[in-house]
Amino acid sequence: MHCAAGPFFNVHLLIRPRCPGLPRFNNPYEVTVPRYQARVLVNLRSSVLDPAGEATRSAAFRLGVDGVSKLRIGKSVELELEAPDEDEARRRLELLSDRLLANPVIENWTLELQQS
């Protein structure tokens, strides 16, 4: 860590170490980082009412589609991620899913991951 103070201001510059596995602009050899494709499926928990799903089920009945006894609506999030390995990619995606993509109080999520 390197700190430098200006002559008139109390300014500290912090130089952070480079992330491992990521190439620099003027690096003579390129380091390839694996890329992963992921899909996170988010659905409401079974104990939570789904008014949009019920409205869609009723509309299907009015359209003449018989036999739909249960219909629940969720969301699908697709993304690409660069990570050093599959375990790290999965760790990052689980953090993203738990804290950003799904509301853990009312929603469950599942993760599909593959290297591209």
PDB file of N, CA and C in Angstrom:
ATOM      1  N   MET A   1       0.854  -1.174   0.000  1.00  0.00           N
ATOM      2  CA  MET A   1       0.000   0.000   0.000  1.00  0.00           C
ATOM      3  C   MET A   1       0.895   1.231   0.000  1.00  0.00           C
ATOM      4  N   HIS A   2       0.574   2.191  -0.861  1.00  0.00           N
ATOM      5  CA  HIS A   2       1.372   3.400  -0.985  1.00  0.00           C
ATOM      6  C   HIS A   2       0.475   4.593  -0.701  1.00  0.00           C
ATOM      7  N   CYS A   3       0.889   5.461   0.198  1.00  0.00           N
ATOM      8  CA  CYS A   3       0.120   6.664   0.527  1.00  0.00           C
ATOM      9  C   CYS A   3       0.967   7.888   0.196  1.00  0.00           C
ATOM     10  N   ALA A   4       0.336   8.844  -0.437  1.00  0.00           N
ATOM     11  CA  ALA A   4       1.024  10.098  -0.753  1.00  0.00           C
ATOM     12  C   ALA A   4       0.128  11.248  -0.331  1.00  0.00           C
ATOM     13  N   ALA A   5       0.674  12.214   0.326  1.00  0.00           N
ATOM     14  CA  ALA A   5      -0.091  13.375   0.778  1.00  0.00           C
ATOM     15  C   ALA A   5       0.296  14.587  -0.060  1.00  0.00           C
ATOM     16  N   GLY A   6      -0.707  15.342  -0.472  1.00  0.00           N
ATOM     17  CA  GLY A   6      -0.456  16.563  -1.232  1.00  0.00           C
ATOM     18  C   GLY A   6       0.052  17.653  -0.309  1.00  0.00           C
ATOM     19  N   PRO A   7       0.656  18.709  -0.870  1.00  0.00           N
ATOM     20  CA  PRO A   7       1.230  19.757  -0.031  1.00  0.00           C
ATOM     21  C   PRO A   7       0.181  20.596   0.697  1.00  0.00           C
ATOM     22  N   PHE A   8      -1.020  20.766   0.114  1.00  0.00           N
ATOM     23  CA  PHE A   8      -2.005  21.632   0.731  1.00  0.00           C
ATOM     24  C   PHE A   8      -3.228  20.891   1.246  1.00  0.00           C
ATOM     25  N   PHE A   9      -3.442  19.701   0.778  1.00  0.00           N
ATOM     26  CA  PHE A   9      -4.627  18.942   1.154  1.00  0.00           C
ATOM     27  C   PHE A   9      -4.205  17.645   1.813  1.00  0.00           C
ATOM     28  N   ASN A  10      -5.028  17.173   2.681  1.00  0.00           N
ATOM     29  CA  ASN A  10      -4.767  15.897   3.316  1.00  0.00           C
ATOM     30  C   ASN A  10      -5.397  14.801   2.444  1.00  0.00           C
ATOM     31  N   VAL A  11      -4.738  14.489   1.349  1.00  0.00           N
ATOM     32  CA  VAL A  11      -5.238  13.535   0.366  1.00  0.00           C
ATOM     33  C   VAL A  11      -4.369  12.297   0.428  1.00  0.00           C
ATOM     34  N   HIS A  12      -5.003  11.155   0.507  1.00  0.00           N
ATOM     35  CA  HIS A  12      -4.281   9.890   0.521  1.00  0.00           C
ATOM     36  C   HIS A  12      -4.680   9.085  -0.696  1.00  0.00           C
ATOM     37  N   LEU A  13      -3.716   8.671  -1.477  1.00  0.00           N
ATOM     38  CA  LEU A  13      -3.961   7.826  -2.630  1.00  0.00           C
ATOM     39  C   LEU A  13      -3.681   6.392  -2.236  1.00  0.00           C
ATOM     40  N   LEU A  14      -4.578   5.532  -2.568  1.00  0.00           N
ATOM     41  CA  LEU A  14      -4.443   4.137  -2.233  1.00  0.00           C
ATOM     42  C   LEU A  14      -4.216   3.357  -3.522  1.00  0.00           C
ATOM     43  N   ILE A  15      -3.127   2.645  -3.616  1.00  0.00           N
ATOM     44  CA  ILE A  15      -2.862   1.820  -4.781  1.00  0.00           C
ATOM     45  C   ILE A  15      -3.187   0.390  -4.391  1.00  0.00           C
ATOM     46  N   ARG A  16      -4.198  -0.160  -5.055  1.00  0.00           N
ATOM     47  CA  ARG A  16      -4.639  -1.508  -4.742  1.00  0.00           C
ATOM     48  C   ARG A  16      -3.913  -2.511  -5.634  1.00  0.00           C
ATOM     49  N   PRO A  17      -3.641  -3.684  -5.107  1.00  0.00           N
ATOM     50  CA  PRO A  17      -3.009  -4.703  -5.951  1.00  0.00           C
ATOM     51  C   PRO A  17      -3.972  -5.151  -7.049  1.00  0.00           C
ATOM     52  N   ARG A  18      -3.402  -5.548  -8.160  1.00  0.00           N
ATOM     53  CA  ARG A  18      -4.182  -5.989  -9.306  1.00  0.00           C
ATOM     54  C   ARG A  18      -4.878  -7.306  -8.993  1.00  0.00           C
ATOM     55  N   CYS A  19      -6.104  -7.475  -9.482  1.00  0.00           N
ATOM     56  CA  CYS A  19      -6.839  -8.716  -9.277  1.00  0.00           C
ATOM     57  C   CYS A  19      -6.122  -9.854  -9.990  1.00  0.00           C
ATOM     58  N   PRO A  20      -5.964 -10.996  -9.339  1.00  0.00           N
ATOM     59  CA  PRO A  20      -5.263 -12.106  -9.991  1.00  0.00           C
ATOM     60  C   PRO A  20      -6.063 -12.638 -11.168  1.00  0.00           C
ATOM     61  N   GLY A  21      -5.349 -12.971 -12.236  1.00  0.00           N
ATOM     62  CA  GLY A  21      -5.983 -13.569 -13.398  1.00  0.00           C
ATOM     63  C   GLY A  21      -6.503 -12.590 -14.426  1.00  0.00           C
ATOM     64  N   LEU A  22      -6.463 -11.284 -14.142  1.00  0.00           N
ATOM     65  CA  LEU A  22      -6.966 -10.312 -15.102  1.00  0.00           C
ATOM     66  C   LEU A  22      -5.802  -9.677 -15.861  1.00  0.00           C
ATOM     67  N   PRO A  23      -5.894  -9.550 -17.183  1.00  0.00           N
ATOM     68  CA  PRO A  23      -4.787  -9.008 -17.959  1.00  0.00           C
ATOM     69  C   PRO A  23      -4.640  -7.498 -17.782  1.00  0.00           C
ATOM     70  N   ARG A  24      -3.433  -7.010 -17.982  1.00  0.00           N
ATOM     71  CA  ARG A  24      -3.162  -5.577 -18.010  1.00  0.00           C
ATOM     72  C   ARG A  24      -3.199  -5.100 -19.445  1.00  0.00           C
ATOM     73  N   PHE A  25      -3.281  -3.773 -19.633  1.00  0.00           N
ATOM     74  CA  PHE A  25      -3.327  -3.227 -20.985  1.00  0.00           C
ATOM     75  C   PHE A  25      -2.031  -3.460 -21.738  1.00  0.00           C
ATOM     76  N   ASN A  26      -0.900  -3.250 -21.109  1.00  0.00           N
ATOM     77  CA  ASN A  26       0.375  -3.376 -21.799  1.00  0.00           C
ATOM     78  C   ASN A  26       1.104  -4.663 -21.433  1.00  0.00           C
ATOM     79  N   ASN A  27       0.360  -5.716 -21.159  1.00  0.00           N
ATOM     80  CA  ASN A  27       0.933  -7.005 -20.839  1.00  0.00           C
ATOM     81  C   ASN A  27       1.304  -7.701 -22.152  1.00  0.00           C
ATOM     82  N   PRO A  28       2.555  -8.126 -22.338  1.00  0.00           N
ATOM     83  CA  PRO A  28       2.940  -8.723 -23.612  1.00  0.00           C
ATOM     84  C   PRO A  28       2.251 -10.052 -23.885  1.00  0.00           C
ATOM     85  N   TYR A  29       1.833 -10.761 -22.871  1.00  0.00           N
ATOM     86  CA  TYR A  29       1.108 -12.006 -23.081  1.00  0.00           C
ATOM     87  C   TYR A  29      -0.263 -11.874 -22.447  1.00  0.00           C
ATOM     88  N   GLU A  30      -1.243 -12.441 -23.087  1.00  0.00           N
ATOM     89  CA  GLU A  30      -2.607 -12.293 -22.599  1.00  0.00           C
ATOM     90  C   GLU A  30      -2.984 -13.483 -21.730  1.00  0.00           C
ATOM     91  N   VAL A  31      -3.546 -13.190 -20.586  1.00  0.00           N
ATOM     92  CA  VAL A  31      -4.031 -14.216 -19.686  1.00  0.00           C
ATOM     93  C   VAL A  31      -5.520 -14.393 -19.968  1.00  0.00           C
ATOM     94  N   THR A  32      -5.912 -15.598 -20.299  1.00  0.00           N
ATOM     95  CA  THR A  32      -7.334 -15.824 -20.572  1.00  0.00           C
ATOM     96  C   THR A  32      -8.048 -16.213 -19.296  1.00  0.00           C
ATOM     97  N   VAL A  33      -9.188 -15.609 -19.092  1.00  0.00           N
ATOM     98  CA  VAL A  33     -10.021 -15.881 -17.931  1.00  0.00           C
ATOM     99  C   VAL A  33     -11.255 -16.615 -18.439  1.00  0.00           C
ATOM    100  N   PRO A  34     -11.577 -17.753 -17.853  1.00  0.00           N
ATOM    101  CA  PRO A  34     -12.756 -18.484 -18.322  1.00  0.00           C
ATOM    102  C   PRO A  34     -14.028 -17.658 -18.175  1.00  0.00           C
ATOM    103  N   ARG A  35     -14.931 -17.838 -19.124  1.00  0.00           N
ATOM    104  CA  ARG A  35     -16.220 -17.145 -19.115  1.00  0.00           C
ATOM    105  C   ARG A  35     -17.314 -18.182 -18.891  1.00  0.00           C
ATOM    106  N   TYR A  36     -18.250 -17.839 -18.040  1.00  0.00           N
ATOM    107  CA  TYR A  36     -19.346 -18.741 -17.695  1.00  0.00           C
ATOM    108  C   TYR A  36     -20.676 -18.092 -18.052  1.00  0.00           C
ATOM    109  N   GLN A  37     -21.583 -18.901 -18.529  1.00  0.00           N
ATOM    110  CA  GLN A  37     -22.953 -18.459 -18.770  1.00  0.00           C
ATOM    111  C   GLN A  37     -23.811 -19.003 -17.644  1.00  0.00           C
ATOM    112  N   ALA A  38     -24.689 -18.152 -17.145  1.00  0.00           N
ATOM    113  CA  ALA A  38     -25.519 -18.559 -16.016  1.00  0.00           C
ATOM    114  C   ALA A  38     -26.952 -18.109 -16.246  1.00  0.00           C
ATOM    115  N   ARG A  39     -27.856 -18.868 -15.667  1.00  0.00           N
ATOM    116  CA  ARG A  39     -29.266 -18.508 -15.635  1.00  0.00           C
ATOM    117  C   ARG A  39     -29.732 -18.698 -14.201  1.00  0.00           C
ATOM    118  N   VAL A  40     -30.321 -17.644 -13.655  1.00  0.00           N
ATOM    119  CA  VAL A  40     -30.878 -17.696 -12.304  1.00  0.00           C
ATOM    120  C   VAL A  40     -32.392 -17.646 -12.452  1.00  0.00           C
ATOM    121  N   LEU A  41     -33.062 -18.682 -11.959  1.00  0.00           N
ATOM    122  CA  LEU A  41     -34.518 -18.752 -12.000  1.00  0.00           C
ATOM    123  C   LEU A  41     -35.058 -18.387 -10.627  1.00  0.00           C
ATOM    124  N   VAL A  42     -35.900 -17.363 -10.584  1.00  0.00           N
ATOM    125  CA  VAL A  42     -36.446 -16.855  -9.327  1.00  0.00           C
ATOM    126  C   VAL A  42     -37.953 -17.092  -9.325  1.00  0.00           C
ATOM    127  N   ASN A  43     -38.450 -17.754  -8.274  1.00  0.00           N
ATOM    128  CA  ASN A  43     -39.879 -18.032  -8.134  1.00  0.00           C
ATOM    129  C   ASN A  43     -40.333 -17.661  -6.735  1.00  0.00           C
ATOM    130  N   LEU A  44     -41.614 -17.316  -6.639  1.00  0.00           N
ATOM    131  CA  LEU A  44     -42.182 -17.054  -5.323  1.00  0.00           C
ATOM    132  C   LEU A  44     -42.240 -18.351  -4.524  1.00  0.00           C
ATOM    133  N   ARG A  45     -42.051 -18.255  -3.229  1.00  0.00           N
ATOM    134  CA  ARG A  45     -42.184 -19.428  -2.359  1.00  0.00           C
ATOM    135  C   ARG A  45     -43.630 -19.918  -2.411  1.00  0.00           C
ATOM    136  N   SER A  46     -43.818 -21.192  -2.158  1.00  0.00           N
ATOM    137  CA  SER A  46     -45.162 -21.775  -2.252  1.00  0.00           C
ATOM    138  C   SER A  46     -46.128 -21.178  -1.226  1.00  0.00           C
ATOM    139  N   SER A  47     -45.603 -20.646  -0.130  1.00  0.00           N
ATOM    140  CA  SER A  47     -46.465 -20.057   0.901  1.00  0.00           C
ATOM    141  C   SER A  47     -46.899 -18.625   0.565  1.00  0.00           C
ATOM    142  N   VAL A  48     -46.357 -18.055  -0.506  1.00  0.00           N
ATOM    143  CA  VAL A  48     -46.680 -16.678  -0.889  1.00  0.00           C
ATOM    144  C   VAL A  48     -47.716 -16.699  -2.015  1.00  0.00           C
ATOM    145  N   LEU A  49     -48.759 -15.889  -1.879  1.00  0.00           N
ATOM    146  CA  LEU A  49     -49.779 -15.807  -2.916  1.00  0.00           C
ATOM    147  C   LEU A  49     -49.190 -15.190  -4.187  1.00  0.00           C
ATOM    148  N   ASP A  50     -49.675 -15.659  -5.334  1.00  0.00           N
ATOM    149  CA  ASP A  50     -49.206 -15.153  -6.626  1.00  0.00           C
ATOM    150  C   ASP A  50     -50.403 -14.632  -7.415  1.00  0.00           C
ATOM    151  N   PRO A  51     -50.800 -13.367  -7.208  1.00  0.00           N
ATOM    152  CA  PRO A  51     -51.976 -12.840  -7.904  1.00  0.00           C
ATOM    153  C   PRO A  51     -51.805 -12.814  -9.427  1.00  0.00           C
ATOM    154  N   ALA A  52     -50.597 -12.546  -9.914  1.00  0.00           N
ATOM    155  CA  ALA A  52     -50.374 -12.527 -11.366  1.00  0.00           C
ATOM    156  C   ALA A  52     -50.558 -13.933 -11.946  1.00  0.00           C
ATOM    157  N   GLY A  53     -50.090 -14.938 -11.239  1.00  0.00           N
ATOM    158  CA  GLY A  53     -50.267 -16.307 -11.690  1.00  0.00           C
ATOM    159  C   GLY A  53     -51.726 -16.718 -11.701  1.00  0.00           C
ATOM    160  N   GLU A  54     -52.467 -16.327 -10.663  1.00  0.00           N
ATOM    161  CA  GLU A  54     -53.901 -16.646 -10.621  1.00  0.00           C
ATOM    162  C   GLU A  54     -54.653 -15.936 -11.735  1.00  0.00           C
ATOM    163  N   ALA A  55     -54.331 -14.682 -12.003  1.00  0.00           N
ATOM    164  CA  ALA A  55     -54.988 -13.943 -13.088  1.00  0.00           C
ATOM    165  C   ALA A  55     -54.684 -14.592 -14.439  1.00  0.00           C
ATOM    166  N   THR A  56     -53.451 -15.044 -14.628  1.00  0.00           N
ATOM    167  CA  THR A  56     -53.078 -15.694 -15.885  1.00  0.00           C
ATOM    168  C   THR A  56     -53.778 -17.043 -16.021  1.00  0.00           C
ATOM    169  N   ARG A  57     -53.897 -17.794 -14.926  1.00  0.00           N
ATOM    170  CA  ARG A  57     -54.615 -19.070 -14.958  1.00  0.00           C
ATOM    171  C   ARG A  57     -56.073 -18.858 -15.326  1.00  0.00           C
ATOM    172  N   SER A  58     -56.700 -17.829 -14.755  1.00  0.00           N
ATOM    173  CA  SER A  58     -58.094 -17.519 -15.085  1.00  0.00           C
ATOM    174  C   SER A  58     -58.238 -17.114 -16.551  1.00  0.00           C
ATOM    175  N   ALA A  59     -57.283 -16.324 -17.046  1.00  0.00           N
ATOM    176  CA  ALA A  59     -57.329 -15.907 -18.451  1.00  0.00           C
ATOM    177  C   ALA A  59     -57.155 -17.104 -19.380  1.00  0.00           C
ATOM    178  N   ALA A  60     -56.312 -18.061 -19.004  1.00  0.00           N
ATOM    179  CA  ALA A  60     -56.134 -19.271 -19.813  1.00  0.00           C
ATOM    180  C   ALA A  60     -57.451 -20.047 -19.894  1.00  0.00           C
ATOM    181  N   PHE A  61     -58.173 -20.127 -18.782  1.00  0.00           N
ATOM    182  CA  PHE A  61     -59.468 -20.804 -18.772  1.00  0.00           C
ATOM    183  C   PHE A  61     -60.460 -20.092 -19.698  1.00  0.00           C
ATOM    184  N   ARG A  62     -60.483 -18.751 -19.651  1.00  0.00           N
ATOM    185  CA  ARG A  62     -61.384 -17.977 -20.513  1.00  0.00           C
ATOM    186  C   ARG A  62     -61.027 -18.118 -21.988  1.00  0.00           C
ATOM    187  N   LEU A  63     -59.747 -18.377 -22.281  1.00  0.00           N
ATOM    188  CA  LEU A  63     -59.332 -18.602 -23.670  1.00  0.00           C
ATOM    189  C   LEU A  63     -59.669 -20.006 -24.164  1.00  0.00           C
ATOM    190  N   GLY A  64     -60.133 -20.852 -23.267  1.00  0.00           N
ATOM    191  CA  GLY A  64     -60.498 -22.203 -23.651  1.00  0.00           C
ATOM    192  C   GLY A  64     -59.417 -23.228 -23.407  1.00  0.00           C
ATOM    193  N   VAL A  65     -58.372 -22.869 -22.687  1.00  0.00           N
ATOM    194  CA  VAL A  65     -57.313 -23.819 -22.346  1.00  0.00           C
ATOM    195  C   VAL A  65     -57.715 -24.492 -21.041  1.00  0.00           C
ATOM    196  N   ASP A  66     -58.101 -25.757 -21.142  1.00  0.00           N
ATOM    197  CA  ASP A  66     -58.554 -26.499 -19.967  1.00  0.00           C
ATOM    198  C   ASP A  66     -57.395 -27.251 -19.330  1.00  0.00           C
ATOM    199  N   GLY A  67     -57.548 -27.614 -18.061  1.00  0.00           N
ATOM    200  CA  GLY A  67     -56.593 -28.476 -17.385  1.00  0.00           C
ATOM    201  C   GLY A  67     -55.484 -27.760 -16.638  1.00  0.00           C
ATOM    202  N   VAL A  68     -55.433 -26.436 -16.678  1.00  0.00           N
ATOM    203  CA  VAL A  68     -54.392 -25.706 -15.937  1.00  0.00           C
ATOM    204  C   VAL A  68     -54.892 -25.544 -14.507  1.00  0.00           C
ATOM    205  N   SER A  69     -54.345 -26.350 -13.598  1.00  0.00           N
ATOM    206  CA  SER A  69     -54.813 -26.289 -12.216  1.00  0.00           C
ATOM    207  C   SER A  69     -53.951 -25.369 -11.353  1.00  0.00           C
ATOM    208  N   LYS A  70     -52.710 -25.158 -11.752  1.00  0.00           N
ATOM    209  CA  LYS A  70     -51.813 -24.301 -10.978  1.00  0.00           C
ATOM    210  C   LYS A  70     -50.899 -23.569 -11.947  1.00  0.00           C
ATOM    211  N   LEU A  71     -50.756 -22.263 -11.759  1.00  0.00           N
ATOM    212  CA  LEU A  71     -49.873 -21.463 -12.598  1.00  0.00           C
ATOM    213  C   LEU A  71     -49.220 -20.410 -11.717  1.00  0.00           C
ATOM    214  N   ARG A  72     -47.895 -20.414 -11.670  1.00  0.00           N
ATOM    215  CA  ARG A  72     -47.145 -19.432 -10.880  1.00  0.00           C
ATOM    216  C   ARG A  72     -46.139 -18.767 -11.802  1.00  0.00           C
ATOM    217  N   ILE A  73     -45.951 -17.473 -11.637  1.00  0.00           N
ATOM    218  CA  ILE A  73     -45.071 -16.695 -12.504  1.00  0.00           C
ATOM    219  C   ILE A  73     -43.793 -16.348 -11.752  1.00  0.00           C
ATOM    220  N   GLY A  74     -42.656 -16.484 -12.430  1.00  0.00           N
ATOM    221  CA  GLY A  74     -41.364 -16.142 -11.856  1.00  0.00           C
ATOM    222  C   GLY A  74     -40.569 -15.316 -12.862  1.00  0.00           C
ATOM    223  N   LYS A  75     -39.275 -15.270 -12.663  1.00  0.00           N
ATOM    224  CA  LYS A  75     -38.427 -14.536 -13.597  1.00  0.00           C
ATOM    225  C   LYS A  75     -37.146 -15.322 -13.852  1.00  0.00           C
ATOM    226  N   SER A  76     -36.565 -15.079 -15.012  1.00  0.00           N
ATOM    227  CA  SER A  76     -35.319 -15.724 -15.410  1.00  0.00           C
ATOM    228  C   SER A  76     -34.302 -14.628 -15.717  1.00  0.00           C
ATOM    229  N   VAL A  77     -33.122 -14.716 -15.110  1.00  0.00           N
ATOM    230  CA  VAL A  77     -32.060 -13.737 -15.326  1.00  0.00           C
ATOM    231  C   VAL A  77     -30.893 -14.475 -15.965  1.00  0.00           C
ATOM    232  N   GLU A  78     -30.476 -14.040 -17.158  1.00  0.00           N
ATOM    233  CA  GLU A  78     -29.354 -14.657 -17.853  1.00  0.00           C
ATOM    234  C   GLU A  78     -28.182 -13.695 -17.849  1.00  0.00           C
ATOM    235  N   LEU A  79     -26.979 -14.227 -17.579  1.00  0.00           N
ATOM    236  CA  LEU A  79     -25.799 -13.367 -17.548  1.00  0.00           C
ATOM    237  C   LEU A  79     -24.552 -14.155 -17.887  1.00  0.00           C
ATOM    238  N   GLU A  80     -23.500 -13.424 -18.260  1.00  0.00           N
ATOM    239  CA  GLU A  80     -22.173 -13.987 -18.495  1.00  0.00           C
ATOM    240  C   GLU A  80     -21.233 -13.413 -17.449  1.00  0.00           C
ATOM    241  N   LEU A  81     -20.310 -14.247 -16.993  1.00  0.00           N
ATOM    242  CA  LEU A  81     -19.423 -13.863 -15.904  1.00  0.00           C
ATOM    243  C   LEU A  81     -18.036 -14.416 -16.172  1.00  0.00           C
ATOM    244  N   GLU A  82     -17.016 -13.604 -15.952  1.00  0.00           N
ATOM    245  CA  GLU A  82     -15.640 -14.070 -16.035  1.00  0.00           C
ATOM    246  C   GLU A  82     -15.147 -14.365 -14.622  1.00  0.00           C
ATOM    247  N   ALA A  83     -14.556 -15.538 -14.444  1.00  0.00           N
ATOM    248  CA  ALA A  83     -14.044 -15.949 -13.135  1.00  0.00           C
ATOM    249  C   ALA A  83     -12.887 -16.921 -13.357  1.00  0.00           C
ATOM    250  N   PRO A  84     -11.963 -17.005 -12.390  1.00  0.00           N
ATOM    251  CA  PRO A  84     -10.812 -17.890 -12.553  1.00  0.00           C
ATOM    252  C   PRO A  84     -11.179 -19.367 -12.649  1.00  0.00           C
ATOM    253  N   ASP A  85     -12.252 -19.789 -11.946  1.00  0.00           N
ATOM    254  CA  ASP A  85     -12.676 -21.186 -12.020  1.00  0.00           C
ATOM    255  C   ASP A  85     -14.170 -21.277 -11.714  1.00  0.00           C
ATOM    256  N   GLU A  86     -14.715 -22.479 -11.864  1.00  0.00           N
ATOM    257  CA  GLU A  86     -16.159 -22.666 -11.696  1.00  0.00           C
ATOM    258  C   GLU A  86     -16.609 -22.438 -10.258  1.00  0.00           C
ATOM    259  N   ASP A  87     -15.802 -22.837  -9.289  1.00  0.00           N
ATOM    260  CA  ASP A  87     -16.175 -22.626  -7.884  1.00  0.00           C
ATOM    261  C   ASP A  87     -16.304 -21.143  -7.550  1.00  0.00           C
ATOM    262  N   GLU A  88     -15.369 -20.337  -8.059  1.00  0.00           N
ATOM    263  CA  GLU A  88     -15.428 -18.885  -7.824  1.00  0.00           C
ATOM    264  C   GLU A  88     -16.617 -18.268  -8.549  1.00  0.00           C
ATOM    265  N   ALA A  89     -16.892 -18.729  -9.766  1.00  0.00           N
ATOM    266  CA  ALA A  89     -18.056 -18.233 -10.506  1.00  0.00           C
ATOM    267  C   ALA A  89     -19.336 -18.553  -9.747  1.00  0.00           C
ATOM    268  N   ARG A  90     -19.439 -19.772  -9.241  1.00  0.00           N
ATOM    269  CA  ARG A  90     -20.623 -20.173  -8.479  1.00  0.00           C
ATOM    270  C   ARG A  90     -20.756 -19.346  -7.196  1.00  0.00           C
ATOM    271  N   ARG A  91     -19.646 -19.094  -6.506  1.00  0.00           N
ATOM    272  CA  ARG A  91     -19.682 -18.286  -5.282  1.00  0.00           C
ATOM    273  C   ARG A  91     -20.192 -16.883  -5.576  1.00  0.00           C
ATOM    274  N   ARG A  92     -19.689 -16.276  -6.660  1.00  0.00           N
ATOM    275  CA  ARG A  92     -20.120 -14.917  -7.021  1.00  0.00           C
ATOM    276  C   ARG A  92     -21.594 -14.885  -7.397  1.00  0.00           C
ATOM    277  N   LEU A  93     -22.041 -15.882  -8.151  1.00  0.00           N
ATOM    278  CA  LEU A  93     -23.434 -15.918  -8.573  1.00  0.00           C
ATOM    279  C   LEU A  93     -24.379 -16.174  -7.403  1.00  0.00           C
ATOM    280  N   GLU A  94     -23.959 -17.000  -6.466  1.00  0.00           N
ATOM    281  CA  GLU A  94     -24.792 -17.229  -5.285  1.00  0.00           C
ATOM    282  C   GLU A  94     -24.933 -15.957  -4.457  1.00  0.00           C
ATOM    283  N   LEU A  95     -23.851 -15.206  -4.323  1.00  0.00           N
ATOM    284  CA  LEU A  95     -23.908 -13.931  -3.609  1.00  0.00           C
ATOM    285  C   LEU A  95     -24.842 -12.958  -4.332  1.00  0.00           C
ATOM    286  N   LEU A  96     -24.712 -12.874  -5.636  1.00  0.00           N
ATOM    287  CA  LEU A  96     -25.557 -11.995  -6.442  1.00  0.00           C
ATOM    288  C   LEU A  96     -27.025 -12.394  -6.325  1.00  0.00           C
ATOM    289  N   SER A  97     -27.299 -13.680  -6.388  1.00  0.00           N
ATOM    290  CA  SER A  97     -28.683 -14.167  -6.314  1.00  0.00           C
ATOM    291  C   SER A  97     -29.292 -13.909  -4.943  1.00  0.00           C
ATOM    292  N   ASP A  98     -28.531 -14.189  -3.883  1.00  0.00           N
ATOM    293  CA  ASP A  98     -29.040 -13.999  -2.521  1.00  0.00           C
ATOM    294  C   ASP A  98     -29.308 -12.546  -2.179  1.00  0.00           C
ATOM    295  N   ARG A  99     -28.444 -11.660  -2.648  1.00  0.00           N
ATOM    296  CA  ARG A  99     -28.524 -10.269  -2.190  1.00  0.00           C
ATOM    297  C   ARG A  99     -29.145  -9.299  -3.175  1.00  0.00           C
ATOM    298  N   LEU A 100     -29.236  -9.676  -4.464  1.00  0.00           N
ATOM    299  CA  LEU A 100     -29.713  -8.701  -5.446  1.00  0.00           C
ATOM    300  C   LEU A 100     -30.870  -9.221  -6.297  1.00  0.00           C
ATOM    301  N   LEU A 101     -30.753 -10.419  -6.825  1.00  0.00           N
ATOM    302  CA  LEU A 101     -31.731 -10.891  -7.801  1.00  0.00           C
ATOM    303  C   LEU A 101     -33.009 -11.421  -7.172  1.00  0.00           C
ATOM    304  N   ALA A 102     -32.935 -11.960  -5.966  1.00  0.00           N
ATOM    305  CA  ALA A 102     -34.113 -12.529  -5.319  1.00  0.00           C
ATOM    306  C   ALA A 102     -34.304 -11.909  -3.939  1.00  0.00           C
ATOM    307  N   ASN A 103     -35.554 -11.826  -3.549  1.00  0.00           N
ATOM    308  CA  ASN A 103     -35.894 -11.393  -2.194  1.00  0.00           C
ATOM    309  C   ASN A 103     -35.991 -12.659  -1.343  1.00  0.00           C
ATOM    310  N   PRO A 104     -35.037 -12.909  -0.462  1.00  0.00           N
ATOM    311  CA  PRO A 104     -35.009 -14.185   0.264  1.00  0.00           C
ATOM    312  C   PRO A 104     -36.197 -14.395   1.207  1.00  0.00           C
ATOM    313  N   VAL A 105     -36.935 -13.350   1.510  1.00  0.00           N
ATOM    314  CA  VAL A 105     -38.087 -13.488   2.392  1.00  0.00           C
ATOM    315  C   VAL A 105     -39.244 -14.180   1.668  1.00  0.00           C
ATOM    316  N   ILE A 106     -39.449 -13.857   0.386  1.00  0.00           N
ATOM    317  CA  ILE A 106     -40.619 -14.385  -0.334  1.00  0.00           C
ATOM    318  C   ILE A 106     -40.259 -15.200  -1.572  1.00  0.00           C
ATOM    319  N   GLU A 107     -38.971 -15.260  -1.961  1.00  0.00           N
ATOM    320  CA  GLU A 107     -38.609 -15.931  -3.209  1.00  0.00           C
ATOM    321  C   GLU A 107     -37.522 -16.982  -2.997  1.00  0.00           C
ATOM    322  N   ASN A 108     -37.570 -18.018  -3.830  1.00  0.00           N
ATOM    323  CA  ASN A 108     -36.517 -19.023  -3.934  1.00  0.00           C
ATOM    324  C   ASN A 108     -35.844 -18.845  -5.289  1.00  0.00           C
ATOM    325  N   TRP A 109     -34.598 -19.294  -5.397  1.00  0.00           N
ATOM    326  CA  TRP A 109     -33.909 -19.209  -6.679  1.00  0.00           C
ATOM    327  C   TRP A 109     -33.117 -20.486  -6.918  1.00  0.00           C
ATOM    328  N   THR A 110     -32.905 -20.778  -8.199  1.00  0.00           N
ATOM    329  CA  THR A 110     -32.051 -21.889  -8.604  1.00  0.00           C
ATOM    330  C   THR A 110     -31.049 -21.362  -9.626  1.00  0.00           C
ATOM    331  N   LEU A 111     -29.907 -22.016  -9.699  1.00  0.00           N
ATOM    332  CA  LEU A 111     -28.821 -21.547 -10.541  1.00  0.00           C
ATOM    333  C   LEU A 111     -28.447 -22.618 -11.552  1.00  0.00           C
ATOM    334  N   GLU A 112     -28.350 -22.213 -12.820  1.00  0.00           N
ATOM    335  CA  GLU A 112     -27.833 -23.064 -13.880  1.00  0.00           C
ATOM    336  C   GLU A 112     -26.544 -22.410 -14.372  1.00  0.00           C
ATOM    337  N   LEU A 113     -25.431 -23.165 -14.389  1.00  0.00           N
ATOM    338  CA  LEU A 113     -24.129 -22.600 -14.726  1.00  0.00           C
ATOM    339  C   LEU A 113     -23.417 -23.520 -15.697  1.00  0.00           C
ATOM    340  N   GLN A 114     -22.817 -22.931 -16.740  1.00  0.00           N
ATOM    341  CA  GLN A 114     -21.997 -23.694 -17.668  1.00  0.00           C
ATOM    342  C   GLN A 114     -20.898 -22.807 -18.227  1.00  0.00           C
ATOM    343  N   GLN A 115     -19.770 -23.409 -18.560  1.00  0.00           N
ATOM    344  CA  GLN A 115     -18.657 -22.650 -19.134  1.00  0.00           C
ATOM    345  C   GLN A 115     -18.914 -22.441 -20.601  1.00  0.00           C
ATOM    346  N   SER A 116     -18.697 -21.217 -21.085  1.00  0.00           N
ATOM    347  CA  SER A 116     -18.944 -20.924 -22.499  1.00  0.00           C
ATOM    348  C   SER A 116     -17.678 -20.957 -23.313  1.00  0.00           C
TER     349      SER A 116
END
